[in-house]
Amino acid sequence: MKAAFYSLTSCEGCLTTLITNLGPNLQALWKIFDIDYFKLVREPVGGEKVPRVDIAFVEGAVVTSLDRKRISQIRANSSFVVALGTCASCGNVAYSASRGVDLKRRRLRDIEIFEAEPLSSHVNVDFELSGCPVSAEEFTEALLRLLNGIEPKQPDFSVCYECKMRGNRCLLETGKACLGPIAMGGCGAACPSVGAPCYSCRGPAVEADLPAYLKTIRRHGIPEEKALGAMRAFTGKKIAELLKDGRK
């Protein structure tokens, strides 16, 4: 089975996290897969290429004209495309930060710059592995499922659920705009467990109930705009779609 790992406009944190956490297991990965391209690890001399592969893992948001061209090439040469991390799945911070900015004169030599978008805005994505950065454990689980012909699954629970399982005090009760009730779980409620509100860096939960959440924060006296600002920080296009659907 052939695989490739790409990076579009990003901090390359997801691939760096995989390299760091997998460590010596990267050798095992090479034995299982025929990896022809791995950004930061195995890149061809003389420039990048887009080999034909069974699975392509792509981190980063689509921001430049080069990104647009590259993601189209990756999709055309890959049987299965995985959006790796929140930039790739939601647009992350770049999605909101690039809105309302005059980008017409923003160029890098001959490269045009556009409003940031997740991969799904340009090509069909077969699976999304969210996280900022992505979890090496979830990546390994998804990889093993794909290797065995089993469709990978996203966590079907929220950060709020994980918080309750850990016995944490609800931060909404303390007046903090925590997004745990509508955030995708899988992180073990890392931030709320140390008293920091969840910013939904993994994107919204599969069944995020925005109206119920907004009703809850109003009851706790938390300014709605404060929570909405936090949502827009990481969840990008997905929260924009929830709001557009009239569920506010």
C-alpha atoms as a PDB file:
ATOM      1  CA  MET A   1       0.000   0.000   0.000  1.00  0.00           C
ATOM      2  CA  LYS A   2       1.367   3.403  -1.014  1.00  0.00           C
ATOM      3  CA  ALA A   3       1.032   6.513   1.167  1.00  0.00           C
ATOM      4  CA  ALA A   4       2.187  10.128   1.067  1.00  0.00           C
ATOM      5  CA  PHE A   5       2.267  12.979   3.600  1.00  0.00           C
ATOM      6  CA  TYR A   6       1.845  16.547   2.399  1.00  0.00           C
ATOM      7  CA  SER A   7       1.837  20.010   3.945  1.00  0.00           C
ATOM      8  CA  LEU A   8       0.009  23.037   2.560  1.00  0.00           C
ATOM      9  CA  THR A   9       0.076  26.470   4.233  1.00  0.00           C
ATOM     10  CA  SER A  10       0.588  25.706   7.921  1.00  0.00           C
ATOM     11  CA  CYS A  11       3.068  25.657  10.792  1.00  0.00           C
ATOM     12  CA  GLU A  12       3.760  21.990   9.899  1.00  0.00           C
ATOM     13  CA  GLY A  13       2.912  21.173  13.513  1.00  0.00           C
ATOM     14  CA  CYS A  14       0.857  18.087  12.702  1.00  0.00           C
ATOM     15  CA  LEU A  15       3.601  16.339  10.740  1.00  0.00           C
ATOM     16  CA  THR A  16       6.167  17.431  13.326  1.00  0.00           C
ATOM     17  CA  THR A  17       3.989  15.948  16.080  1.00  0.00           C
ATOM     18  CA  LEU A  18       3.713  12.639  14.235  1.00  0.00           C
ATOM     19  CA  ILE A  19       7.462  12.489  13.648  1.00  0.00           C
ATOM     20  CA  THR A  20       8.207  13.364  17.283  1.00  0.00           C
ATOM     21  CA  ASN A  21       5.671  11.022  18.855  1.00  0.00           C
ATOM     22  CA  LEU A  22       6.090   8.060  16.528  1.00  0.00           C
ATOM     23  CA  GLY A  23       9.871   8.301  16.835  1.00  0.00           C
ATOM     24  CA  PRO A  24      11.441   4.886  16.234  1.00  0.00           C
ATOM     25  CA  ASN A  25       8.069   3.566  15.035  1.00  0.00           C
ATOM     26  CA  LEU A  26       8.550   5.551  11.826  1.00  0.00           C
ATOM     27  CA  GLN A  27      10.790   2.727  10.654  1.00  0.00           C
ATOM     28  CA  ALA A  28       7.899   0.297  11.169  1.00  0.00           C
ATOM     29  CA  LEU A  29       5.675   2.664   9.175  1.00  0.00           C
ATOM     30  CA  TRP A  30       8.116   2.491   6.286  1.00  0.00           C
ATOM     31  CA  LYS A  31       8.007  -1.311   6.380  1.00  0.00           C
ATOM     32  CA  ILE A  32       4.215  -1.372   6.242  1.00  0.00           C
ATOM     33  CA  PHE A  33       3.767   1.336   3.614  1.00  0.00           C
ATOM     34  CA  ASP A  34       5.596   2.300   0.492  1.00  0.00           C
ATOM     35  CA  ILE A  35       6.009   5.992   1.380  1.00  0.00           C
ATOM     36  CA  ASP A  36       7.156   7.885  -1.678  1.00  0.00           C
ATOM     37  CA  TYR A  37       6.758  11.362  -0.195  1.00  0.00           C
ATOM     38  CA  PHE A  38       6.794  12.578   3.419  1.00  0.00           C
ATOM     39  CA  LYS A  39       7.190  16.303   3.968  1.00  0.00           C
ATOM     40  CA  LEU A  40      10.043  16.981   6.434  1.00  0.00           C
ATOM     41  CA  VAL A  41      11.294  13.377   6.206  1.00  0.00           C
ATOM     42  CA  ARG A  42      11.524  12.150   2.628  1.00  0.00           C
ATOM     43  CA  GLU A  43      11.381  14.768  -0.096  1.00  0.00           C
ATOM     44  CA  PRO A  44      12.781  14.427  -3.615  1.00  0.00           C
ATOM     45  CA  VAL A  45      15.798  16.424  -4.701  1.00  0.00           C
ATOM     46  CA  GLY A  46      14.900  19.209  -7.099  1.00  0.00           C
ATOM     47  CA  GLY A  47      11.408  19.973  -5.860  1.00  0.00           C
ATOM     48  CA  GLU A  48       8.171  18.427  -4.684  1.00  0.00           C
ATOM     49  CA  LYS A  49       6.202  15.815  -6.518  1.00  0.00           C
ATOM     50  CA  VAL A  50       2.765  14.237  -6.242  1.00  0.00           C
ATOM     51  CA  PRO A  51       3.056  10.454  -6.638  1.00  0.00           C
ATOM     52  CA  ARG A  52       0.077   8.197  -7.229  1.00  0.00           C
ATOM     53  CA  VAL A  53      -0.822   6.662  -3.849  1.00  0.00           C
ATOM     54  CA  ASP A  54      -3.555   4.760  -2.031  1.00  0.00           C
ATOM     55  CA  ILE A  55      -3.714   7.181   0.922  1.00  0.00           C
ATOM     56  CA  ALA A  56      -2.696  10.831   1.111  1.00  0.00           C
ATOM     57  CA  PHE A  57      -2.454  12.654   4.445  1.00  0.00           C
ATOM     58  CA  VAL A  58      -2.613  16.419   4.009  1.00  0.00           C
ATOM     59  CA  GLU A  59      -2.054  19.055   6.701  1.00  0.00           C
ATOM     60  CA  GLY A  60      -2.585  22.793   6.356  1.00  0.00           C
ATOM     61  CA  ALA A  61      -5.224  25.101   4.933  1.00  0.00           C
ATOM     62  CA  VAL A  62      -5.673  26.111   1.299  1.00  0.00           C
ATOM     63  CA  VAL A  63      -4.409  29.708   1.207  1.00  0.00           C
ATOM     64  CA  THR A  64      -2.320  30.275  -1.917  1.00  0.00           C
ATOM     65  CA  SER A  65      -2.661  29.592  -5.626  1.00  0.00           C
ATOM     66  CA  LEU A  66       0.062  26.984  -5.151  1.00  0.00           C
ATOM     67  CA  ASP A  67      -2.036  25.270  -2.443  1.00  0.00           C
ATOM     68  CA  ARG A  68      -5.035  25.170  -4.781  1.00  0.00           C
ATOM     69  CA  LYS A  69      -3.028  23.584  -7.563  1.00  0.00           C
ATOM     70  CA  ARG A  70      -1.367  21.131  -5.226  1.00  0.00           C
ATOM     71  CA  ILE A  71      -4.492  19.869  -3.469  1.00  0.00           C
ATOM     72  CA  SER A  72      -6.110  19.262  -6.869  1.00  0.00           C
ATOM     73  CA  GLN A  73      -3.065  17.224  -7.927  1.00  0.00           C
ATOM     74  CA  ILE A  74      -3.085  15.287  -4.652  1.00  0.00           C
ATOM     75  CA  ARG A  75      -6.778  14.461  -5.023  1.00  0.00           C
ATOM     76  CA  ALA A  76      -6.308  13.331  -8.609  1.00  0.00           C
ATOM     77  CA  ASN A  77      -3.444  11.020  -7.632  1.00  0.00           C
ATOM     78  CA  SER A  78      -4.870   9.579  -4.398  1.00  0.00           C
ATOM     79  CA  SER A  79      -7.548   6.968  -3.807  1.00  0.00           C
ATOM     80  CA  PHE A  80      -8.207   8.136  -0.245  1.00  0.00           C
ATOM     81  CA  VAL A  81      -7.512  11.641   1.120  1.00  0.00           C
ATOM     82  CA  VAL A  82      -7.255  12.383   4.836  1.00  0.00           C
ATOM     83  CA  ALA A  83      -7.390  15.962   6.145  1.00  0.00           C
ATOM     84  CA  LEU A  84      -4.716  15.986   8.839  1.00  0.00           C
ATOM     85  CA  GLY A  85      -5.375  18.456  11.653  1.00  0.00           C
ATOM     86  CA  THR A  86      -7.772  21.336  12.223  1.00  0.00           C
ATOM     87  CA  CYS A  87      -6.252  23.600   9.545  1.00  0.00           C
ATOM     88  CA  ALA A  88      -7.029  20.962   6.932  1.00  0.00           C
ATOM     89  CA  SER A  89     -10.451  20.049   8.322  1.00  0.00           C
ATOM     90  CA  CYS A  90     -11.813  23.453   9.448  1.00  0.00           C
ATOM     91  CA  GLY A  91      -9.450  26.168   8.258  1.00  0.00           C
ATOM     92  CA  ASN A  92      -8.431  26.834  11.866  1.00  0.00           C
ATOM     93  CA  VAL A  93      -7.202  30.309  12.909  1.00  0.00           C
ATOM     94  CA  ALA A  94      -6.321  31.271   9.338  1.00  0.00           C
ATOM     95  CA  TYR A  95      -9.955  30.944   8.202  1.00  0.00           C
ATOM     96  CA  SER A  96     -11.253  33.723  10.464  1.00  0.00           C
ATOM     97  CA  ALA A  97      -8.054  35.791  10.389  1.00  0.00           C
ATOM     98  CA  SER A  98      -8.146  36.077   6.586  1.00  0.00           C
ATOM     99  CA  ARG A  99     -11.767  37.302   6.469  1.00  0.00           C
ATOM    100  CA  GLY A 100     -12.268  41.020   5.987  1.00  0.00           C
ATOM    101  CA  VAL A 101      -8.664  41.507   4.884  1.00  0.00           C
ATOM    102  CA  ASP A 102      -7.798  43.091   1.547  1.00  0.00           C
ATOM    103  CA  LEU A 103      -5.840  40.314  -0.148  1.00  0.00           C
ATOM    104  CA  LYS A 104      -5.899  41.700  -3.678  1.00  0.00           C
ATOM    105  CA  ARG A 105      -2.413  43.125  -3.427  1.00  0.00           C
ATOM    106  CA  ARG A 106      -1.018  40.362  -1.263  1.00  0.00           C
ATOM    107  CA  ARG A 107       1.342  38.293  -3.372  1.00  0.00           C
ATOM    108  CA  LEU A 108       4.516  36.309  -2.820  1.00  0.00           C
ATOM    109  CA  ARG A 109       6.283  36.840  -6.127  1.00  0.00           C
ATOM    110  CA  ASP A 110       4.024  34.982  -8.563  1.00  0.00           C
ATOM    111  CA  ILE A 111       1.949  33.260  -5.856  1.00  0.00           C
ATOM    112  CA  GLU A 112      -1.526  34.674  -5.146  1.00  0.00           C
ATOM    113  CA  ILE A 113      -2.958  34.697  -1.624  1.00  0.00           C
ATOM    114  CA  PHE A 114      -6.635  34.016  -0.928  1.00  0.00           C
ATOM    115  CA  GLU A 115      -8.913  33.660   2.085  1.00  0.00           C
ATOM    116  CA  ALA A 116      -7.976  30.466   3.920  1.00  0.00           C
ATOM    117  CA  GLU A 117     -10.215  27.438   3.369  1.00  0.00           C
ATOM    118  CA  PRO A 118     -10.235  23.818   4.589  1.00  0.00           C
ATOM    119  CA  LEU A 119      -9.437  21.105   2.048  1.00  0.00           C
ATOM    120  CA  SER A 120     -13.120  20.228   1.625  1.00  0.00           C
ATOM    121  CA  SER A 121     -13.788  23.643   0.059  1.00  0.00           C
ATOM    122  CA  HIS A 122     -11.745  22.572  -2.963  1.00  0.00           C
ATOM    123  CA  VAL A 123     -11.753  18.765  -3.172  1.00  0.00           C
ATOM    124  CA  ASN A 124     -13.606  15.776  -1.816  1.00  0.00           C
ATOM    125  CA  VAL A 125     -12.098  14.639   1.493  1.00  0.00           C
ATOM    126  CA  ASP A 126     -12.615  11.033   2.565  1.00  0.00           C
ATOM    127  CA  PHE A 127     -11.808  11.432   6.264  1.00  0.00           C
ATOM    128  CA  GLU A 128     -10.833  14.158   8.722  1.00  0.00           C
ATOM    129  CA  LEU A 129      -8.414  13.752  11.618  1.00  0.00           C
ATOM    130  CA  SER A 130      -8.860  16.930  13.634  1.00  0.00           C
ATOM    131  CA  GLY A 131      -6.588  18.395  16.286  1.00  0.00           C
ATOM    132  CA  CYS A 132      -4.179  21.287  16.711  1.00  0.00           C
ATOM    133  CA  PRO A 133      -1.919  19.460  16.446  1.00  0.00           C
ATOM    134  CA  VAL A 134      -3.345  16.104  15.425  1.00  0.00           C
ATOM    135  CA  SER A 135      -3.136  13.268  17.959  1.00  0.00           C
ATOM    136  CA  ALA A 136      -0.469  10.669  17.143  1.00  0.00           C
ATOM    137  CA  GLU A 137      -2.626   8.025  18.862  1.00  0.00           C
ATOM    138  CA  GLU A 138      -5.675   8.821  16.736  1.00  0.00           C
ATOM    139  CA  PHE A 139      -3.499   8.898  13.642  1.00  0.00           C
ATOM    140  CA  THR A 140      -2.122   5.429  14.440  1.00  0.00           C
ATOM    141  CA  GLU A 141      -5.615   4.053  15.072  1.00  0.00           C
ATOM    142  CA  ALA A 142      -6.950   5.476  11.805  1.00  0.00           C
ATOM    143  CA  LEU A 143      -3.918   4.157   9.937  1.00  0.00           C
ATOM    144  CA  LEU A 144      -4.408   0.631  11.294  1.00  0.00           C
ATOM    145  CA  ARG A 145      -8.098   0.686  10.400  1.00  0.00           C
ATOM    146  CA  LEU A 146      -7.324   1.810   6.856  1.00  0.00           C
ATOM    147  CA  LEU A 147      -4.638  -0.854   6.571  1.00  0.00           C
ATOM    148  CA  ASN A 148      -7.228  -3.487   7.433  1.00  0.00           C
ATOM    149  CA  GLY A 149      -9.870  -2.112   5.109  1.00  0.00           C
ATOM    150  CA  ILE A 150     -11.966  -0.652   7.949  1.00  0.00           C
ATOM    151  CA  GLU A 151     -13.329   2.872   7.710  1.00  0.00           C
ATOM    152  CA  PRO A 152     -11.822   5.113  10.434  1.00  0.00           C
ATOM    153  CA  LYS A 153     -14.167   6.943  12.798  1.00  0.00           C
ATOM    154  CA  GLN A 154     -14.180  10.329  14.442  1.00  0.00           C
ATOM    155  CA  PRO A 155     -14.907  10.563  18.184  1.00  0.00           C
ATOM    156  CA  ASP A 156     -18.690  10.697  18.637  1.00  0.00           C
ATOM    157  CA  PHE A 157     -18.518  12.434  22.024  1.00  0.00           C
ATOM    158  CA  SER A 158     -17.731  15.937  23.233  1.00  0.00           C
ATOM    159  CA  VAL A 159     -14.995  17.367  25.432  1.00  0.00           C
ATOM    160  CA  CYS A 160     -17.747  18.020  27.988  1.00  0.00           C
ATOM    161  CA  TYR A 161     -18.346  14.261  28.223  1.00  0.00           C
ATOM    162  CA  GLU A 162     -14.641  13.649  28.857  1.00  0.00           C
ATOM    163  CA  CYS A 163     -14.615  16.402  31.473  1.00  0.00           C
ATOM    164  CA  LYS A 164     -17.452  14.750  33.388  1.00  0.00           C
ATOM    165  CA  MET A 165     -15.732  11.364  33.168  1.00  0.00           C
ATOM    166  CA  ARG A 166     -12.661  12.926  34.800  1.00  0.00           C
ATOM    167  CA  GLY A 167     -14.733  14.480  37.561  1.00  0.00           C
ATOM    168  CA  ASN A 168     -13.822  18.057  36.653  1.00  0.00           C
ATOM    169  CA  ARG A 169     -15.849  21.005  37.849  1.00  0.00           C
ATOM    170  CA  CYS A 170     -17.798  22.610  35.001  1.00  0.00           C
ATOM    171  CA  LEU A 171     -16.012  25.802  33.949  1.00  0.00           C
ATOM    172  CA  LEU A 172     -19.273  27.308  32.684  1.00  0.00           C
ATOM    173  CA  GLU A 173     -20.388  27.413  36.320  1.00  0.00           C
ATOM    174  CA  THR A 174     -17.368  29.620  37.065  1.00  0.00           C
ATOM    175  CA  GLY A 175     -18.260  32.073  34.295  1.00  0.00           C
ATOM    176  CA  LYS A 176     -15.667  30.896  31.767  1.00  0.00           C
ATOM    177  CA  ALA A 177     -16.688  30.621  28.102  1.00  0.00           C
ATOM    178  CA  CYS A 178     -15.691  26.965  27.750  1.00  0.00           C
ATOM    179  CA  LEU A 179     -16.663  25.328  24.447  1.00  0.00           C
ATOM    180  CA  GLY A 180     -16.533  21.786  25.834  1.00  0.00           C
ATOM    181  CA  PRO A 181     -20.242  21.015  25.243  1.00  0.00           C
ATOM    182  CA  ILE A 182     -19.918  21.583  21.481  1.00  0.00           C
ATOM    183  CA  ALA A 183     -16.261  20.600  20.950  1.00  0.00           C
ATOM    184  CA  MET A 184     -15.143  17.290  19.482  1.00  0.00           C
ATOM    185  CA  GLY A 185     -13.745  14.999  22.153  1.00  0.00           C
ATOM    186  CA  GLY A 186     -10.668  12.826  22.006  1.00  0.00           C
ATOM    187  CA  CYS A 187      -8.203  15.094  23.803  1.00  0.00           C
ATOM    188  CA  GLY A 188      -9.039  13.797  27.279  1.00  0.00           C
ATOM    189  CA  ALA A 189     -10.339  17.258  28.255  1.00  0.00           C
ATOM    190  CA  ALA A 190      -6.727  18.417  28.521  1.00  0.00           C
ATOM    191  CA  CYS A 191      -7.393  22.149  28.915  1.00  0.00           C
ATOM    192  CA  PRO A 192     -10.414  22.074  31.279  1.00  0.00           C
ATOM    193  CA  SER A 193      -8.562  19.592  33.479  1.00  0.00           C
ATOM    194  CA  VAL A 194      -6.064  22.341  34.346  1.00  0.00           C
ATOM    195  CA  GLY A 195      -8.689  25.065  34.652  1.00  0.00           C
ATOM    196  CA  ALA A 196      -8.380  26.482  31.130  1.00  0.00           C
ATOM    197  CA  PRO A 197     -11.530  26.740  28.992  1.00  0.00           C
ATOM    198  CA  CYS A 198     -11.794  24.576  25.889  1.00  0.00           C
ATOM    199  CA  TYR A 199     -11.383  26.498  22.626  1.00  0.00           C
ATOM    200  CA  SER A 200     -12.526  23.593  20.453  1.00  0.00           C
ATOM    201  CA  CYS A 201      -9.155  23.232  18.721  1.00  0.00           C
ATOM    202  CA  ARG A 202     -10.361  19.891  17.324  1.00  0.00           C
ATOM    203  CA  GLY A 203     -13.379  21.478  15.689  1.00  0.00           C
ATOM    204  CA  PRO A 204     -17.052  21.085  16.612  1.00  0.00           C
ATOM    205  CA  ALA A 205     -18.478  17.795  17.880  1.00  0.00           C
ATOM    206  CA  VAL A 206     -20.232  15.574  15.355  1.00  0.00           C
ATOM    207  CA  GLU A 207     -23.625  16.479  16.844  1.00  0.00           C
ATOM    208  CA  ALA A 208     -22.819  19.944  18.179  1.00  0.00           C
ATOM    209  CA  ASP A 209     -26.047  21.562  19.472  1.00  0.00           C
ATOM    210  CA  LEU A 210     -25.294  25.257  19.161  1.00  0.00           C
ATOM    211  CA  PRO A 211     -28.735  26.580  20.246  1.00  0.00           C
ATOM    212  CA  ALA A 212     -28.630  24.492  23.425  1.00  0.00           C
ATOM    213  CA  TYR A 213     -25.093  25.668  24.163  1.00  0.00           C
ATOM    214  CA  LEU A 214     -25.964  29.337  23.696  1.00  0.00           C
ATOM    215  CA  LYS A 215     -28.978  28.891  25.951  1.00  0.00           C
ATOM    216  CA  THR A 216     -26.713  27.349  28.602  1.00  0.00           C
ATOM    217  CA  ILE A 217     -24.141  30.149  28.585  1.00  0.00           C
ATOM    218  CA  ARG A 218     -26.875  32.774  28.809  1.00  0.00           C
ATOM    219  CA  ARG A 219     -28.145  31.006  31.901  1.00  0.00           C
ATOM    220  CA  HIS A 220     -24.670  31.260  33.404  1.00  0.00           C
ATOM    221  CA  GLY A 221     -24.392  34.950  32.510  1.00  0.00           C
ATOM    222  CA  ILE A 222     -21.587  34.452  29.977  1.00  0.00           C
ATOM    223  CA  PRO A 223     -21.596  37.011  27.121  1.00  0.00           C
ATOM    224  CA  GLU A 224     -22.655  35.279  23.914  1.00  0.00           C
ATOM    225  CA  GLU A 225     -20.196  37.219  21.772  1.00  0.00           C
ATOM    226  CA  LYS A 226     -17.333  36.085  23.986  1.00  0.00           C
ATOM    227  CA  ALA A 227     -18.205  32.452  23.307  1.00  0.00           C
ATOM    228  CA  LEU A 228     -18.763  33.057  19.596  1.00  0.00           C
ATOM    229  CA  GLY A 229     -15.370  34.751  19.352  1.00  0.00           C
ATOM    230  CA  ALA A 230     -13.738  31.710  20.907  1.00  0.00           C
ATOM    231  CA  MET A 231     -15.597  29.431  18.485  1.00  0.00           C
ATOM    232  CA  ARG A 232     -14.373  31.324  15.450  1.00  0.00           C
ATOM    233  CA  ALA A 233     -10.757  31.125  16.615  1.00  0.00           C
ATOM    234  CA  PHE A 234     -10.214  27.457  15.760  1.00  0.00           C
ATOM    235  CA  THR A 235     -13.369  25.986  14.241  1.00  0.00           C
ATOM    236  CA  GLY A 236     -13.244  28.181  11.133  1.00  0.00           C
ATOM    237  CA  LYS A 237     -15.615  27.256   8.364  1.00  0.00           C
ATOM    238  CA  LYS A 238     -17.513  24.660  10.363  1.00  0.00           C
ATOM    239  CA  ILE A 239     -18.719  27.103  12.991  1.00  0.00           C
ATOM    240  CA  ALA A 240     -19.468  29.616  10.237  1.00  0.00           C
ATOM    241  CA  GLU A 241     -21.715  27.000   8.628  1.00  0.00           C
ATOM    242  CA  LEU A 242     -23.471  26.292  11.928  1.00  0.00           C
ATOM    243  CA  LEU A 243     -24.186  29.987  12.393  1.00  0.00           C
ATOM    244  CA  LYS A 244     -25.271  30.381   8.764  1.00  0.00           C
ATOM    245  CA  ASP A 245     -27.774  27.558   9.182  1.00  0.00           C
ATOM    246  CA  GLY A 246     -29.717  29.839  11.472  1.00  0.00           C
ATOM    247  CA  ARG A 247     -29.071  27.789  14.567  1.00  0.00           C
ATOM    248  CA  LYS A 248     -27.889  30.809  16.529  1.00  0.00           C
END
